[in-house]
PDB file of all heavy atoms in Angstrom:
ATOM      1  N   ASN A   1      -4.692  -3.863  -7.959  1.00  0.00           N
ATOM      2  CA  ASN A   1      -5.005  -3.372  -9.329  1.00  0.00           C
ATOM      3  C   ASN A   1      -6.493  -2.962  -9.539  1.00  0.00           C
ATOM      4  O   ASN A   1      -7.038  -3.129 -10.553  1.00  0.00           O
ATOM      5  CB  ASN A   1      -4.511  -4.392 -10.354  1.00  0.00           C
ATOM      6  CG  ASN A   1      -3.035  -4.646 -10.233  1.00  0.00           C
ATOM      7  OD1 ASN A   1      -2.265  -3.686 -10.192  1.00  0.00           O
ATOM      8  ND2 ASN A   1      -2.662  -5.892 -10.197  1.00  0.00           N
ATOM      9  N   ARG A   2      -7.069  -2.499  -8.407  1.00  0.00           N
ATOM     10  CA  ARG A   2      -8.381  -1.991  -8.436  1.00  0.00           C
ATOM     11  C   ARG A   2      -8.473  -0.675  -7.730  1.00  0.00           C
ATOM     12  O   ARG A   2      -7.595  -0.281  -6.970  1.00  0.00           O
ATOM     13  CB  ARG A   2      -9.354  -2.940  -7.718  1.00  0.00           C
ATOM     14  CG  ARG A   2      -9.530  -4.271  -8.383  1.00  0.00           C
ATOM     15  CD  ARG A   2     -10.609  -5.132  -7.693  1.00  0.00           C
ATOM     16  NE  ARG A   2     -10.390  -5.166  -6.211  1.00  0.00           N
ATOM     17  CZ  ARG A   2     -10.034  -6.278  -5.592  1.00  0.00           C
ATOM     18  NH1 ARG A   2      -9.873  -7.391  -6.181  1.00  0.00           N
ATOM     19  NH2 ARG A   2      -9.860  -6.189  -4.276  1.00  0.00           N
ATOM     20  N   ALA A   3      -9.485   0.117  -8.002  1.00  0.00           N
ATOM     21  CA  ALA A   3      -9.741   1.406  -7.344  1.00  0.00           C
ATOM     22  C   ALA A   3      -9.806   1.198  -5.818  1.00  0.00           C
ATOM     23  O   ALA A   3     -10.344   0.127  -5.424  1.00  0.00           O
ATOM     24  CB  ALA A   3     -10.942   2.126  -7.897  1.00  0.00           C
ATOM     25  N   PRO A   4      -9.417   2.107  -4.993  1.00  0.00           N
ATOM     26  CA  PRO A   4      -9.144   3.431  -5.324  1.00  0.00           C
ATOM     27  C   PRO A   4      -7.609   3.658  -5.558  1.00  0.00           C
ATOM     28  O   PRO A   4      -7.272   4.636  -6.130  1.00  0.00           O
ATOM     29  CB  PRO A   4      -9.500   4.238  -4.089  1.00  0.00           C
ATOM     30  CG  PRO A   4      -9.310   3.336  -2.981  1.00  0.00           C
ATOM     31  CD  PRO A   4      -9.685   1.931  -3.539  1.00  0.00           C
ATOM     32  N   TYR A   5      -6.727   2.727  -5.181  1.00  0.00           N
ATOM     33  CA  TYR A   5      -5.276   2.946  -5.271  1.00  0.00           C
ATOM     34  C   TYR A   5      -4.576   2.106  -6.331  1.00  0.00           C
ATOM     35  O   TYR A   5      -3.532   2.555  -6.823  1.00  0.00           O
ATOM     36  CB  TYR A   5      -4.593   2.720  -3.913  1.00  0.00           C
ATOM     37  CG  TYR A   5      -5.110   3.582  -2.817  1.00  0.00           C
ATOM     38  CD1 TYR A   5      -5.633   3.011  -1.632  1.00  0.00           C
ATOM     39  CD2 TYR A   5      -5.172   4.964  -2.980  1.00  0.00           C
ATOM     40  CE1 TYR A   5      -6.017   3.826  -0.627  1.00  0.00           C
ATOM     41  CE2 TYR A   5      -5.658   5.722  -1.919  1.00  0.00           C
ATOM     42  CZ  TYR A   5      -6.089   5.249  -0.765  1.00  0.00           C
ATOM     43  OH  TYR A   5      -6.582   5.963   0.249  1.00  0.00           O
ATOM     44  N   GLY A   6      -5.048   0.936  -6.532  1.00  0.00           N
ATOM     45  CA  GLY A   6      -4.248   0.064  -7.472  1.00  0.00           C
ATOM     46  C   GLY A   6      -3.162  -0.671  -6.818  1.00  0.00           C
ATOM     47  O   GLY A   6      -3.065  -1.890  -6.668  1.00  0.00           O
ATOM     48  N   SER A   7      -2.190   0.175  -6.357  1.00  0.00           N
ATOM     49  CA  SER A   7      -1.052  -0.348  -5.586  1.00  0.00           C
ATOM     50  C   SER A   7      -0.599   0.719  -4.621  1.00  0.00           C
ATOM     51  O   SER A   7      -0.867   1.860  -4.761  1.00  0.00           O
ATOM     52  CB  SER A   7       0.170  -0.751  -6.507  1.00  0.00           C
ATOM     53  OG  SER A   7       0.675   0.362  -7.175  1.00  0.00           O
ATOM     54  N   TRP A   8       0.029   0.285  -3.486  1.00  0.00           N
ATOM     55  CA  TRP A   8       0.396   1.232  -2.463  1.00  0.00           C
ATOM     56  C   TRP A   8       1.487   0.619  -1.618  1.00  0.00           C
ATOM     57  O   TRP A   8       1.742  -0.555  -1.587  1.00  0.00           O
ATOM     58  CB  TRP A   8      -0.839   1.575  -1.528  1.00  0.00           C
ATOM     59  CG  TRP A   8      -1.368   0.357  -0.879  1.00  0.00           C
ATOM     60  CD1 TRP A   8      -1.093  -0.108   0.378  1.00  0.00           C
ATOM     61  CD2 TRP A   8      -2.327  -0.541  -1.351  1.00  0.00           C
ATOM     62  NE1 TRP A   8      -1.749  -1.185   0.642  1.00  0.00           N
ATOM     63  CE2 TRP A   8      -2.524  -1.512  -0.407  1.00  0.00           C
ATOM     64  CE3 TRP A   8      -3.058  -0.615  -2.579  1.00  0.00           C
ATOM     65  CZ2 TRP A   8      -3.499  -2.545  -0.603  1.00  0.00           C
ATOM     66  CZ3 TRP A   8      -3.954  -1.655  -2.741  1.00  0.00           C
ATOM     67  CH2 TRP A   8      -4.089  -2.586  -1.745  1.00  0.00           C
ATOM     68  N   THR A   9       2.178   1.522  -0.832  1.00  0.00           N
ATOM     69  CA  THR A   9       3.119   1.123   0.186  1.00  0.00           C
ATOM     70  C   THR A   9       2.401   1.513   1.485  1.00  0.00           C
ATOM     71  O   THR A   9       1.824   2.547   1.592  1.00  0.00           O
ATOM     72  CB  THR A   9       4.417   1.854   0.051  1.00  0.00           C
ATOM     73  OG1 THR A   9       5.066   1.446  -1.215  1.00  0.00           O
ATOM     74  CG2 THR A   9       5.394   1.522   1.131  1.00  0.00           C
ATOM     75  N   ALA A  10       2.541   0.589   2.534  1.00  0.00           N
ATOM     76  CA  ALA A  10       1.982   0.887   3.761  1.00  0.00           C
ATOM     77  C   ALA A  10       2.780   0.422   4.915  1.00  0.00           C
ATOM     78  O   ALA A  10       3.724  -0.401   4.779  1.00  0.00           O
ATOM     79  CB  ALA A  10       0.595   0.197   3.896  1.00  0.00           C
ATOM     80  N   ILE A  11       2.634   0.899   6.134  1.00  0.00           N
ATOM     81  CA  ILE A  11       3.245   0.521   7.355  1.00  0.00           C
ATOM     82  C   ILE A  11       2.176  -0.126   8.246  1.00  0.00           C
ATOM     83  O   ILE A  11       1.097   0.363   8.292  1.00  0.00           O
ATOM     84  CB  ILE A  11       3.869   1.697   8.098  1.00  0.00           C
ATOM     85  CG1 ILE A  11       5.056   2.202   7.322  1.00  0.00           C
ATOM     86  CG2 ILE A  11       4.396   1.196   9.482  1.00  0.00           C
ATOM     87  CD1 ILE A  11       5.630   3.455   7.973  1.00  0.00           C
ATOM     88  N   SER A  12       2.506  -1.250   8.775  1.00  0.00           N
ATOM     89  CA  SER A  12       1.480  -1.993   9.664  1.00  0.00           C
ATOM     90  C   SER A  12       2.196  -2.631  10.850  1.00  0.00           C
ATOM     91  O   SER A  12       3.517  -2.577  10.876  1.00  0.00           O
ATOM     92  CB  SER A  12       0.738  -3.038   8.950  1.00  0.00           C
ATOM     93  OG  SER A  12       1.635  -4.171   8.631  1.00  0.00           O
ATOM     94  N   LYS A  13       1.491  -3.120  11.834  1.00  0.00           N
ATOM     95  CA  LYS A  13       2.038  -3.820  12.977  1.00  0.00           C
ATOM     96  C   LYS A  13       1.826  -5.329  12.753  1.00  0.00           C
ATOM     97  O   LYS A  13       0.588  -5.789  12.766  1.00  0.00           O
ATOM     98  CB  LYS A  13       1.371  -3.375  14.260  1.00  0.00           C
ATOM     99  CG  LYS A  13       1.799  -2.000  14.708  1.00  0.00           C
ATOM    100  CD  LYS A  13       1.227  -1.676  16.036  1.00  0.00           C
ATOM    101  CE  LYS A  13       1.632  -0.243  16.436  1.00  0.00           C
ATOM    102  NZ  LYS A  13       1.103   0.081  17.777  1.00  0.00           N
ATOM    103  N   PRO A  14       2.824  -6.144  12.484  1.00  0.00           N
ATOM    104  CA  PRO A  14       2.616  -7.566  12.198  1.00  0.00           C
ATOM    105  C   PRO A  14       1.919  -8.210  13.500  1.00  0.00           C
ATOM    106  O   PRO A  14       2.165  -7.816  14.531  1.00  0.00           O
ATOM    107  CB  PRO A  14       4.000  -8.114  12.059  1.00  0.00           C
ATOM    108  CG  PRO A  14       4.840  -6.951  11.799  1.00  0.00           C
ATOM    109  CD  PRO A  14       4.233  -5.780  12.370  1.00  0.00           C
ATOM    110  N   PRO A  15       1.018  -9.194  13.245  1.00  0.00           N
ATOM    111  CA  PRO A  15       0.718  -9.969  12.063  1.00  0.00           C
ATOM    112  C   PRO A  15      -0.413  -9.403  11.264  1.00  0.00           C
ATOM    113  O   PRO A  15      -1.178 -10.142  10.641  1.00  0.00           O
ATOM    114  CB  PRO A  15       0.515 -11.331  12.551  1.00  0.00           C
ATOM    115  CG  PRO A  15      -0.277 -11.117  13.790  1.00  0.00           C
ATOM    116  CD  PRO A  15       0.424  -9.895  14.424  1.00  0.00           C
ATOM    117  N   PHE A  16      -0.609  -8.064  11.183  1.00  0.00           N
ATOM    118  CA  PHE A  16      -1.752  -7.502  10.472  1.00  0.00           C
ATOM    119  C   PHE A  16      -1.259  -6.603   9.368  1.00  0.00           C
ATOM    120  O   PHE A  16      -0.170  -5.944   9.421  1.00  0.00           O
ATOM    121  CB  PHE A  16      -2.600  -6.684  11.498  1.00  0.00           C
ATOM    122  CG  PHE A  16      -3.109  -7.544  12.561  1.00  0.00           C
ATOM    123  CD1 PHE A  16      -2.514  -7.462  13.872  1.00  0.00           C
ATOM    124  CD2 PHE A  16      -4.133  -8.442  12.348  1.00  0.00           C
ATOM    125  CE1 PHE A  16      -3.035  -8.312  14.854  1.00  0.00           C
ATOM    126  CE2 PHE A  16      -4.558  -9.355  13.414  1.00  0.00           C
ATOM    127  CZ  PHE A  16      -4.002  -9.174  14.628  1.00  0.00           C
ATOM    128  N   PHE A  17      -2.049  -6.499   8.297  1.00  0.00           N
ATOM    129  CA  PHE A  17      -1.846  -5.644   7.182  1.00  0.00           C
ATOM    130  C   PHE A  17      -2.493  -4.294   7.288  1.00  0.00           C
ATOM    131  O   PHE A  17      -2.231  -3.507   6.481  1.00  0.00           O
ATOM    132  CB  PHE A  17      -2.328  -6.289   5.845  1.00  0.00           C
ATOM    133  CG  PHE A  17      -1.474  -7.440   5.361  1.00  0.00           C
ATOM    134  CD1 PHE A  17      -1.979  -8.744   5.318  1.00  0.00           C
ATOM    135  CD2 PHE A  17      -0.166  -7.249   4.913  1.00  0.00           C
ATOM    136  CE1 PHE A  17      -1.234  -9.847   4.846  1.00  0.00           C
ATOM    137  CE2 PHE A  17       0.567  -8.273   4.421  1.00  0.00           C
ATOM    138  CZ  PHE A  17       0.061  -9.592   4.380  1.00  0.00           C
ATOM    139  N   THR A  18      -3.235  -4.120   8.333  1.00  0.00           N
ATOM    140  CA  THR A  18      -3.987  -2.855   8.505  1.00  0.00           C
ATOM    141  C   THR A  18      -3.016  -1.661   8.501  1.00  0.00           C
ATOM    142  O   THR A  18      -2.106  -1.613   9.310  1.00  0.00           O
ATOM    143  CB  THR A  18      -4.824  -2.894   9.798  1.00  0.00           C
ATOM    144  OG1 THR A  18      -5.609  -4.018   9.796  1.00  0.00           O
ATOM    145  CG2 THR A  18      -5.622  -1.633  10.005  1.00  0.00           C
ATOM    146  N   ALA A  19      -3.268  -0.772   7.536  1.00  0.00           N
ATOM    147  CA  ALA A  19      -2.313   0.305   7.309  1.00  0.00           C
ATOM    148  C   ALA A  19      -2.338   1.354   8.465  1.00  0.00           C
ATOM    149  O   ALA A  19      -3.372   1.925   8.760  1.00  0.00           O
ATOM    150  CB  ALA A  19      -2.535   1.008   6.040  1.00  0.00           C
ATOM    151  N   LEU A  20      -1.226   1.661   9.034  1.00  0.00           N
ATOM    152  CA  LEU A  20      -1.004   2.786   9.975  1.00  0.00           C
ATOM    153  C   LEU A  20      -0.662   4.057   9.225  1.00  0.00           C
ATOM    154  O   LEU A  20      -1.037   5.171   9.684  1.00  0.00           O
ATOM    155  CB  LEU A  20       0.058   2.429  10.990  1.00  0.00           C
ATOM    156  CG  LEU A  20      -0.109   1.216  11.812  1.00  0.00           C
ATOM    157  CD1 LEU A  20       1.089   0.971  12.647  1.00  0.00           C
ATOM    158  CD2 LEU A  20      -1.383   1.324  12.690  1.00  0.00           C
ATOM    159  N   ALA A  21       0.000   3.899   8.081  1.00  0.00           N
ATOM    160  CA  ALA A  21       0.255   4.950   7.086  1.00  0.00           C
ATOM    161  C   ALA A  21       0.287   4.320   5.743  1.00  0.00           C
ATOM    162  O   ALA A  21       0.599   3.204   5.592  1.00  0.00           O
ATOM    163  CB  ALA A  21       1.703   5.609   7.412  1.00  0.00           C
ATOM    164  N   LEU A  22      -0.157   5.123   4.778  1.00  0.00           N
ATOM    165  CA  LEU A  22      -0.332   4.506   3.386  1.00  0.00           C
ATOM    166  C   LEU A  22       0.085   5.565   2.336  1.00  0.00           C
ATOM    167  O   LEU A  22      -0.291   6.776   2.427  1.00  0.00           O
ATOM    168  CB  LEU A  22      -1.827   4.161   3.198  1.00  0.00           C
ATOM    169  CG  LEU A  22      -2.136   3.452   1.905  1.00  0.00           C
ATOM    170  CD1 LEU A  22      -3.172   2.348   2.196  1.00  0.00           C
ATOM    171  CD2 LEU A  22      -2.725   4.387   0.999  1.00  0.00           C
ATOM    172  N   TRP A  23       0.866   5.157   1.437  1.00  0.00           N
ATOM    173  CA  TRP A  23       1.306   5.989   0.193  1.00  0.00           C
ATOM    174  C   TRP A  23       0.717   5.383  -0.944  1.00  0.00           C
ATOM    175  O   TRP A  23       1.249   4.305  -1.431  1.00  0.00           O
ATOM    176  CB  TRP A  23       2.801   6.002   0.204  1.00  0.00           C
ATOM    177  CG  TRP A  23       3.477   6.778   1.331  1.00  0.00           C
ATOM    178  CD1 TRP A  23       3.733   8.091   1.368  1.00  0.00           C
ATOM    179  CD2 TRP A  23       3.859   6.275   2.516  1.00  0.00           C
ATOM    180  NE1 TRP A  23       4.324   8.448   2.617  1.00  0.00           N
ATOM    181  CE2 TRP A  23       4.332   7.352   3.292  1.00  0.00           C
ATOM    182  CE3 TRP A  23       3.716   4.987   3.133  1.00  0.00           C
ATOM    183  CZ2 TRP A  23       4.854   7.076   4.640  1.00  0.00           C
ATOM    184  CZ3 TRP A  23       4.231   4.820   4.477  1.00  0.00           C
ATOM    185  CH2 TRP A  23       4.758   5.872   5.180  1.00  0.00           C
ATOM    186  N   PRO A  24      -0.240   5.891  -1.674  1.00  0.00           N
ATOM    187  CA  PRO A  24      -0.789   5.400  -2.919  1.00  0.00           C
ATOM    188  C   PRO A  24       0.330   5.362  -3.983  1.00  0.00           C
ATOM    189  O   PRO A  24       1.146   6.288  -4.064  1.00  0.00           O
ATOM    190  CB  PRO A  24      -1.967   6.378  -3.285  1.00  0.00           C
ATOM    191  CG  PRO A  24      -2.226   7.126  -2.042  1.00  0.00           C
ATOM    192  CD  PRO A  24      -1.018   7.116  -1.319  1.00  0.00           C
ATOM    193  N   LYS A  25       0.299   4.381  -4.843  1.00  0.00           N
ATOM    194  CA  LYS A  25       1.326   4.269  -5.826  1.00  0.00           C
ATOM    195  C   LYS A  25       0.652   4.214  -7.260  1.00  0.00           C
ATOM    196  O   LYS A  25       0.983   5.001  -8.095  1.00  0.00           O
ATOM    197  CB  LYS A  25       2.218   3.056  -5.626  1.00  0.00           C
ATOM    198  CG  LYS A  25       3.363   2.953  -6.579  1.00  0.00           C
ATOM    199  CD  LYS A  25       4.472   3.826  -6.195  1.00  0.00           C
ATOM    200  CE  LYS A  25       5.648   3.556  -7.047  1.00  0.00           C
ATOM    201  NZ  LYS A  25       5.538   4.250  -8.370  1.00  0.00           N
ATOM    202  N   GLY A  26      -0.277   3.280  -7.456  1.00  0.00           N
ATOM    203  CA  GLY A  26      -1.017   3.226  -8.713  1.00  0.00           C
ATOM    204  C   GLY A  26      -0.384   2.307  -9.750  1.00  0.00           C
ATOM    205  O   GLY A  26      -1.042   1.810 -10.676  1.00  0.00           O
ATOM    206  N   ASP A  27       0.930   2.022  -9.651  1.00  0.00           N
ATOM    207  CA  ASP A  27       1.610   1.136 -10.623  1.00  0.00           C
ATOM    208  C   ASP A  27       2.642   0.263  -9.883  1.00  0.00           C
ATOM    209  O   ASP A  27       2.678   0.442  -8.593  1.00  0.00           O
ATOM    210  CB  ASP A  27       2.306   1.876 -11.730  1.00  0.00           C
ATOM    211  CG  ASP A  27       3.247   2.836 -11.269  1.00  0.00           C
ATOM    212  OD1 ASP A  27       4.028   2.662 -10.284  1.00  0.00           O
ATOM    213  OD2 ASP A  27       3.405   3.921 -11.936  1.00  0.00           O
ATOM    214  N   ALA A  28       3.305  -0.597 -10.467  1.00  0.00           N
ATOM    215  CA  ALA A  28       4.274  -1.453  -9.809  1.00  0.00           C
ATOM    216  C   ALA A  28       5.718  -1.035 -10.019  1.00  0.00           C
ATOM    217  O   ALA A  28       6.593  -1.772  -9.728  1.00  0.00           O
ATOM    218  CB  ALA A  28       4.086  -2.937 -10.345  1.00  0.00           C
ATOM    219  N   TRP A  29       5.932   0.198 -10.538  1.00  0.00           N
ATOM    220  CA  TRP A  29       7.246   0.711 -10.752  1.00  0.00           C
ATOM    221  C   TRP A  29       7.767   1.295  -9.332  1.00  0.00           C
ATOM    222  O   TRP A  29       7.218   2.334  -8.948  1.00  0.00           O
ATOM    223  CB  TRP A  29       7.378   1.749 -11.819  1.00  0.00           C
ATOM    224  CG  TRP A  29       6.982   1.155 -13.144  1.00  0.00           C
ATOM    225  CD1 TRP A  29       5.714   1.204 -13.753  1.00  0.00           C
ATOM    226  CD2 TRP A  29       7.895   0.464 -13.982  1.00  0.00           C
ATOM    227  NE1 TRP A  29       5.854   0.537 -14.958  1.00  0.00           N
ATOM    228  CE2 TRP A  29       7.130   0.102 -15.099  1.00  0.00           C
ATOM    229  CE3 TRP A  29       9.232   0.112 -13.952  1.00  0.00           C
ATOM    230  CZ2 TRP A  29       7.683  -0.648 -16.199  1.00  0.00           C
ATOM    231  CZ3 TRP A  29       9.792  -0.609 -15.018  1.00  0.00           C
ATOM    232  CH2 TRP A  29       9.055  -0.974 -16.101  1.00  0.00           C
ATOM    233  N   GLY A  30       8.720   0.699  -8.742  1.00  0.00           N
ATOM    234  CA  GLY A  30       9.133   1.126  -7.427  1.00  0.00           C
ATOM    235  C   GLY A  30       8.154   0.638  -6.356  1.00  0.00           C
ATOM    236  O   GLY A  30       7.581  -0.417  -6.552  1.00  0.00           O
ATOM    237  N   GLY A  31       8.064   1.412  -5.340  1.00  0.00           N
ATOM    238  CA  GLY A  31       7.182   0.961  -4.209  1.00  0.00           C
ATOM    239  C   GLY A  31       7.855   0.258  -3.177  1.00  0.00           C
ATOM    240  O   GLY A  31       8.990  -0.202  -3.339  1.00  0.00           O
ATOM    241  N   GLY A  32       7.348   0.188  -1.929  1.00  0.00           N
ATOM    242  CA  GLY A  32       7.961  -0.466  -0.810  1.00  0.00           C
ATOM    243  C   GLY A  32       8.909   0.469  -0.147  1.00  0.00           C
ATOM    244  O   GLY A  32       8.945   1.672  -0.275  1.00  0.00           O
TER     245      GLY A  32
END
């Protein structure tokens, strides 16, 4: 809930959250 994206969906390789691809969302409606 902070800039630059607020919220987003991403793909990573576990056990890491580092995004391999990222889709900015901005709100909590939908996502994932």
